[in-house]
């Protein structure tokens, strides 16, 4: 299941540095990046993990509360109406890919809920509760972090909610 990186060739990302500083254990799982397919399903297939435990990180902006982060399984889509209600907004819209790096410090396909430039409210789909461990981006394309779901959610001060279709 997945390839654990044991080489020192992989750069340390901000997400990894923050987890190390907090003494939160994790495994780095590496995969081959396909620029034509940045989907999480591609990652799940390569790592040989169920797609339900591979979480993608989405950034949105609410009309009342500003920016927020959603971590949802790669095979699912965010449902904007309940996501808006859960976050105290009338409506939310996804942040444009071109704005992602400046806002978070991460690029599309490498956006992690850990270590963004600024701390944003973070919401995990309730399906995360089905697993002891889940993966999120390590903060770069080609690497995922496998870690304890409860520790991850607590570390980012996340909340679980039904936010997917």
C-alpha atoms as a PDB file:
ATOM      1  CA  UNK A   1       0.000   0.000   0.000  1.00  0.00           C
ATOM      2  CA  UNK A   2       1.613   3.197  -1.150  1.00  0.00           C
ATOM      3  CA  UNK A   3       5.256   4.014  -1.254  1.00  0.00           C
ATOM      4  CA  UNK A   4       6.738   5.350   1.952  1.00  0.00           C
ATOM      5  CA  UNK A   5       9.461   7.841   1.212  1.00  0.00           C
ATOM      6  CA  UNK A   6      12.633   7.066   3.084  1.00  0.00           C
ATOM      7  CA  UNK A   7      14.970   9.172   0.977  1.00  0.00           C
ATOM      8  CA  UNK A   8      16.264  12.547   1.974  1.00  0.00           C
ATOM      9  CA  UNK A   9      15.671  13.744  -1.606  1.00  0.00           C
ATOM     10  CA  UNK A  10      12.091  14.732  -0.849  1.00  0.00           C
ATOM     11  CA  UNK A  11      12.003  18.354   0.319  1.00  0.00           C
ATOM     12  CA  UNK A  12      10.496  19.088   3.716  1.00  0.00           C
ATOM     13  CA  UNK A  13       7.279  21.019   3.255  1.00  0.00           C
ATOM     14  CA  UNK A  14       5.788  23.514   5.649  1.00  0.00           C
ATOM     15  CA  UNK A  15       3.133  20.927   6.536  1.00  0.00           C
ATOM     16  CA  UNK A  16       5.818  18.389   7.498  1.00  0.00           C
ATOM     17  CA  UNK A  17       7.791  20.940   9.516  1.00  0.00           C
ATOM     18  CA  UNK A  18       4.672  21.946  11.460  1.00  0.00           C
ATOM     19  CA  UNK A  19       3.747  18.328  12.231  1.00  0.00           C
ATOM     20  CA  UNK A  20       7.341  17.609  13.307  1.00  0.00           C
ATOM     21  CA  UNK A  21       7.323  20.639  15.624  1.00  0.00           C
ATOM     22  CA  UNK A  22       4.030  19.453  17.155  1.00  0.00           C
ATOM     23  CA  UNK A  23       5.394  15.880  17.532  1.00  0.00           C
ATOM     24  CA  UNK A  24       2.551  14.470  15.443  1.00  0.00           C
ATOM     25  CA  UNK A  25       3.621  11.261  13.679  1.00  0.00           C
ATOM     26  CA  UNK A  26       2.943  10.821   9.975  1.00  0.00           C
ATOM     27  CA  UNK A  27       4.090   8.807   6.989  1.00  0.00           C
ATOM     28  CA  UNK A  28       5.008  10.379   3.671  1.00  0.00           C
ATOM     29  CA  UNK A  29       3.500   8.476   0.744  1.00  0.00           C
ATOM     30  CA  UNK A  30       4.893   9.343  -2.661  1.00  0.00           C
ATOM     31  CA  UNK A  31       3.333   8.948  -6.086  1.00  0.00           C
ATOM     32  CA  UNK A  32       4.147   9.837  -9.677  1.00  0.00           C
ATOM     33  CA  UNK A  33       2.671  13.172 -10.751  1.00  0.00           C
ATOM     34  CA  UNK A  34       0.719  13.147 -13.998  1.00  0.00           C
ATOM     35  CA  UNK A  35       0.304  16.757 -15.156  1.00  0.00           C
ATOM     36  CA  UNK A  36      -2.641  15.621 -17.304  1.00  0.00           C
ATOM     37  CA  UNK A  37      -4.392  14.021 -14.343  1.00  0.00           C
ATOM     38  CA  UNK A  38      -4.086  15.861 -11.037  1.00  0.00           C
ATOM     39  CA  UNK A  39      -7.155  14.101  -9.692  1.00  0.00           C
ATOM     40  CA  UNK A  40      -7.176  12.483  -6.302  1.00  0.00           C
ATOM     41  CA  UNK A  41      -8.476   9.296  -7.899  1.00  0.00           C
ATOM     42  CA  UNK A  42      -5.174   9.037  -9.766  1.00  0.00           C
ATOM     43  CA  UNK A  43      -3.358   9.388  -6.430  1.00  0.00           C
ATOM     44  CA  UNK A  44      -5.563   6.786  -4.701  1.00  0.00           C
ATOM     45  CA  UNK A  45      -4.907   4.299  -7.500  1.00  0.00           C
ATOM     46  CA  UNK A  46      -1.148   4.801  -7.316  1.00  0.00           C
ATOM     47  CA  UNK A  47      -1.000   4.584  -3.533  1.00  0.00           C
ATOM     48  CA  UNK A  48      -3.380   1.616  -3.515  1.00  0.00           C
ATOM     49  CA  UNK A  49      -5.486   3.128  -0.759  1.00  0.00           C
ATOM     50  CA  UNK A  50      -9.282   3.374  -0.813  1.00  0.00           C
ATOM     51  CA  UNK A  51     -10.297   6.675  -2.382  1.00  0.00           C
ATOM     52  CA  UNK A  52     -12.548   7.316   0.628  1.00  0.00           C
ATOM     53  CA  UNK A  53      -9.501   7.860   2.847  1.00  0.00           C
ATOM     54  CA  UNK A  54      -7.608  10.151   0.437  1.00  0.00           C
ATOM     55  CA  UNK A  55      -8.740  13.713   1.150  1.00  0.00           C
ATOM     56  CA  UNK A  56      -8.377  16.706  -1.139  1.00  0.00           C
ATOM     57  CA  UNK A  57      -8.134  20.248   0.180  1.00  0.00           C
ATOM     58  CA  UNK A  58     -10.413  22.902  -1.268  1.00  0.00           C
ATOM     59  CA  UNK A  59     -10.426  26.603  -0.457  1.00  0.00           C
ATOM     60  CA  UNK A  60     -13.562  28.726  -0.637  1.00  0.00           C
ATOM     61  CA  UNK A  61     -14.730  32.201   0.300  1.00  0.00           C
ATOM     62  CA  UNK A  62     -17.988  32.918   2.099  1.00  0.00           C
ATOM     63  CA  UNK A  63     -20.055  36.062   1.692  1.00  0.00           C
ATOM     64  CA  UNK A  64     -19.986  36.666   5.466  1.00  0.00           C
ATOM     65  CA  UNK A  65     -17.009  34.855   6.990  1.00  0.00           C
ATOM     66  CA  UNK A  66     -14.307  35.091   4.328  1.00  0.00           C
ATOM     67  CA  UNK A  67     -11.938  32.269   3.431  1.00  0.00           C
ATOM     68  CA  UNK A  68     -12.306  28.683   4.635  1.00  0.00           C
ATOM     69  CA  UNK A  69     -10.867  25.259   3.913  1.00  0.00           C
ATOM     70  CA  UNK A  70     -12.699  22.018   3.164  1.00  0.00           C
ATOM     71  CA  UNK A  71     -11.129  18.550   3.249  1.00  0.00           C
ATOM     72  CA  UNK A  72     -13.256  16.029   1.405  1.00  0.00           C
ATOM     73  CA  UNK A  73     -12.716  12.569  -0.103  1.00  0.00           C
ATOM     74  CA  UNK A  74     -11.202  12.743  -3.584  1.00  0.00           C
ATOM     75  CA  UNK A  75     -14.140  11.003  -5.259  1.00  0.00           C
ATOM     76  CA  UNK A  76     -16.692  13.442  -3.838  1.00  0.00           C
ATOM     77  CA  UNK A  77     -17.710  16.985  -4.675  1.00  0.00           C
ATOM     78  CA  UNK A  78     -18.427  19.780  -2.244  1.00  0.00           C
ATOM     79  CA  UNK A  79     -22.116  20.645  -1.832  1.00  0.00           C
ATOM     80  CA  UNK A  80     -22.050  24.441  -1.615  1.00  0.00           C
ATOM     81  CA  UNK A  81     -25.478  24.896  -0.023  1.00  0.00           C
ATOM     82  CA  UNK A  82     -24.890  22.823   3.143  1.00  0.00           C
ATOM     83  CA  UNK A  83     -21.264  23.987   3.240  1.00  0.00           C
ATOM     84  CA  UNK A  84     -22.480  27.588   3.323  1.00  0.00           C
ATOM     85  CA  UNK A  85     -24.996  26.809   6.072  1.00  0.00           C
ATOM     86  CA  UNK A  86     -22.417  25.005   8.227  1.00  0.00           C
ATOM     87  CA  UNK A  87     -19.994  27.926   7.915  1.00  0.00           C
ATOM     88  CA  UNK A  88     -22.508  30.676   8.674  1.00  0.00           C
ATOM     89  CA  UNK A  89     -22.690  32.017   5.130  1.00  0.00           C
ATOM     90  CA  UNK A  90     -25.569  32.537   2.721  1.00  0.00           C
ATOM     91  CA  UNK A  91     -23.329  31.503  -0.141  1.00  0.00           C
ATOM     92  CA  UNK A  92     -19.760  30.426  -0.749  1.00  0.00           C
ATOM     93  CA  UNK A  93     -17.704  30.187  -3.880  1.00  0.00           C
ATOM     94  CA  UNK A  94     -14.544  28.282  -4.638  1.00  0.00           C
ATOM     95  CA  UNK A  95     -11.287  30.235  -4.811  1.00  0.00           C
ATOM     96  CA  UNK A  96      -9.867  30.435  -8.339  1.00  0.00           C
ATOM     97  CA  UNK A  97      -6.819  28.246  -8.952  1.00  0.00           C
ATOM     98  CA  UNK A  98      -4.822  31.330  -9.995  1.00  0.00           C
ATOM     99  CA  UNK A  99      -5.353  32.823  -6.500  1.00  0.00           C
ATOM    100  CA  UNK A 100      -4.486  29.670  -4.547  1.00  0.00           C
ATOM    101  CA  UNK A 101      -0.704  30.110  -4.262  1.00  0.00           C
ATOM    102  CA  UNK A 102      -0.847  33.735  -3.101  1.00  0.00           C
ATOM    103  CA  UNK A 103      -3.567  32.940  -0.568  1.00  0.00           C
ATOM    104  CA  UNK A 104      -2.346  29.618   0.853  1.00  0.00           C
ATOM    105  CA  UNK A 105       1.285  29.217  -0.174  1.00  0.00           C
ATOM    106  CA  UNK A 106       0.339  26.005  -1.989  1.00  0.00           C
ATOM    107  CA  UNK A 107      -0.392  25.116  -5.620  1.00  0.00           C
ATOM    108  CA  UNK A 108      -3.267  23.105  -7.088  1.00  0.00           C
ATOM    109  CA  UNK A 109      -2.603  19.441  -6.491  1.00  0.00           C
ATOM    110  CA  UNK A 110      -0.351  20.254  -3.548  1.00  0.00           C
ATOM    111  CA  UNK A 111      -2.631  22.199  -1.222  1.00  0.00           C
ATOM    112  CA  UNK A 112      -2.518  20.943   2.362  1.00  0.00           C
ATOM    113  CA  UNK A 113      -4.808  21.944   5.231  1.00  0.00           C
ATOM    114  CA  UNK A 114      -1.623  22.122   7.346  1.00  0.00           C
ATOM    115  CA  UNK A 115       0.724  25.086   7.164  1.00  0.00           C
ATOM    116  CA  UNK A 116      -1.096  27.554   4.952  1.00  0.00           C
ATOM    117  CA  UNK A 117       0.146  31.158   4.991  1.00  0.00           C
ATOM    118  CA  UNK A 118      -2.760  32.046   7.255  1.00  0.00           C
ATOM    119  CA  UNK A 119      -4.972  29.931   9.496  1.00  0.00           C
ATOM    120  CA  UNK A 120      -8.450  29.523   8.035  1.00  0.00           C
ATOM    121  CA  UNK A 121     -11.498  27.756   9.492  1.00  0.00           C
ATOM    122  CA  UNK A 122     -11.217  24.141   8.341  1.00  0.00           C
ATOM    123  CA  UNK A 123     -14.036  21.655   7.765  1.00  0.00           C
ATOM    124  CA  UNK A 124     -13.642  17.915   7.219  1.00  0.00           C
ATOM    125  CA  UNK A 125     -16.375  15.870   5.626  1.00  0.00           C
ATOM    126  CA  UNK A 126     -17.911  13.601   8.286  1.00  0.00           C
ATOM    127  CA  UNK A 127     -16.814  10.588   6.257  1.00  0.00           C
ATOM    128  CA  UNK A 128     -13.330  11.180   7.745  1.00  0.00           C
ATOM    129  CA  UNK A 129     -14.744   9.750  10.969  1.00  0.00           C
ATOM    130  CA  UNK A 130     -14.965   6.344   9.257  1.00  0.00           C
ATOM    131  CA  UNK A 131     -11.165   6.006   9.336  1.00  0.00           C
ATOM    132  CA  UNK A 132      -8.493   6.088  12.025  1.00  0.00           C
ATOM    133  CA  UNK A 133      -6.007   7.413   9.467  1.00  0.00           C
ATOM    134  CA  UNK A 134      -6.544   9.545   6.384  1.00  0.00           C
ATOM    135  CA  UNK A 135      -4.241  11.206   3.896  1.00  0.00           C
ATOM    136  CA  UNK A 136      -3.959  14.843   2.912  1.00  0.00           C
ATOM    137  CA  UNK A 137      -1.482  16.569   0.644  1.00  0.00           C
ATOM    138  CA  UNK A 138       2.004  16.963   2.063  1.00  0.00           C
ATOM    139  CA  UNK A 139       2.092  20.465   0.583  1.00  0.00           C
ATOM    140  CA  UNK A 140       3.537  19.504  -2.782  1.00  0.00           C
ATOM    141  CA  UNK A 141       2.547  17.419  -5.768  1.00  0.00           C
ATOM    142  CA  UNK A 142       3.831  13.878  -5.503  1.00  0.00           C
ATOM    143  CA  UNK A 143       3.464  13.410  -1.753  1.00  0.00           C
ATOM    144  CA  UNK A 144       0.639  12.676   0.665  1.00  0.00           C
ATOM    145  CA  UNK A 145       0.726  12.564   4.459  1.00  0.00           C
ATOM    146  CA  UNK A 146      -0.865   9.564   6.151  1.00  0.00           C
ATOM    147  CA  UNK A 147      -1.724  10.425   9.718  1.00  0.00           C
ATOM    148  CA  UNK A 148      -4.153   9.903  12.554  1.00  0.00           C
ATOM    149  CA  UNK A 149      -7.435  11.553  11.622  1.00  0.00           C
ATOM    150  CA  UNK A 150      -8.220  12.756  15.145  1.00  0.00           C
ATOM    151  CA  UNK A 151      -4.767  14.305  15.589  1.00  0.00           C
ATOM    152  CA  UNK A 152      -5.002  16.027  12.211  1.00  0.00           C
ATOM    153  CA  UNK A 153      -8.433  17.505  12.862  1.00  0.00           C
ATOM    154  CA  UNK A 154      -7.391  18.666  16.340  1.00  0.00           C
ATOM    155  CA  UNK A 155      -4.128  20.163  15.040  1.00  0.00           C
ATOM    156  CA  UNK A 156      -5.841  22.340  12.419  1.00  0.00           C
ATOM    157  CA  UNK A 157      -8.729  23.024  14.832  1.00  0.00           C
ATOM    158  CA  UNK A 158     -11.057  21.492  12.282  1.00  0.00           C
ATOM    159  CA  UNK A 159     -14.733  20.684  12.476  1.00  0.00           C
ATOM    160  CA  UNK A 160     -16.519  17.751  10.875  1.00  0.00           C
ATOM    161  CA  UNK A 161     -19.677  18.390   8.860  1.00  0.00           C
ATOM    162  CA  UNK A 162     -21.700  16.891   6.006  1.00  0.00           C
ATOM    163  CA  UNK A 163     -20.432  19.007   3.115  1.00  0.00           C
ATOM    164  CA  UNK A 164     -20.313  16.619   0.150  1.00  0.00           C
ATOM    165  CA  UNK A 165     -22.613  15.326  -2.544  1.00  0.00           C
END
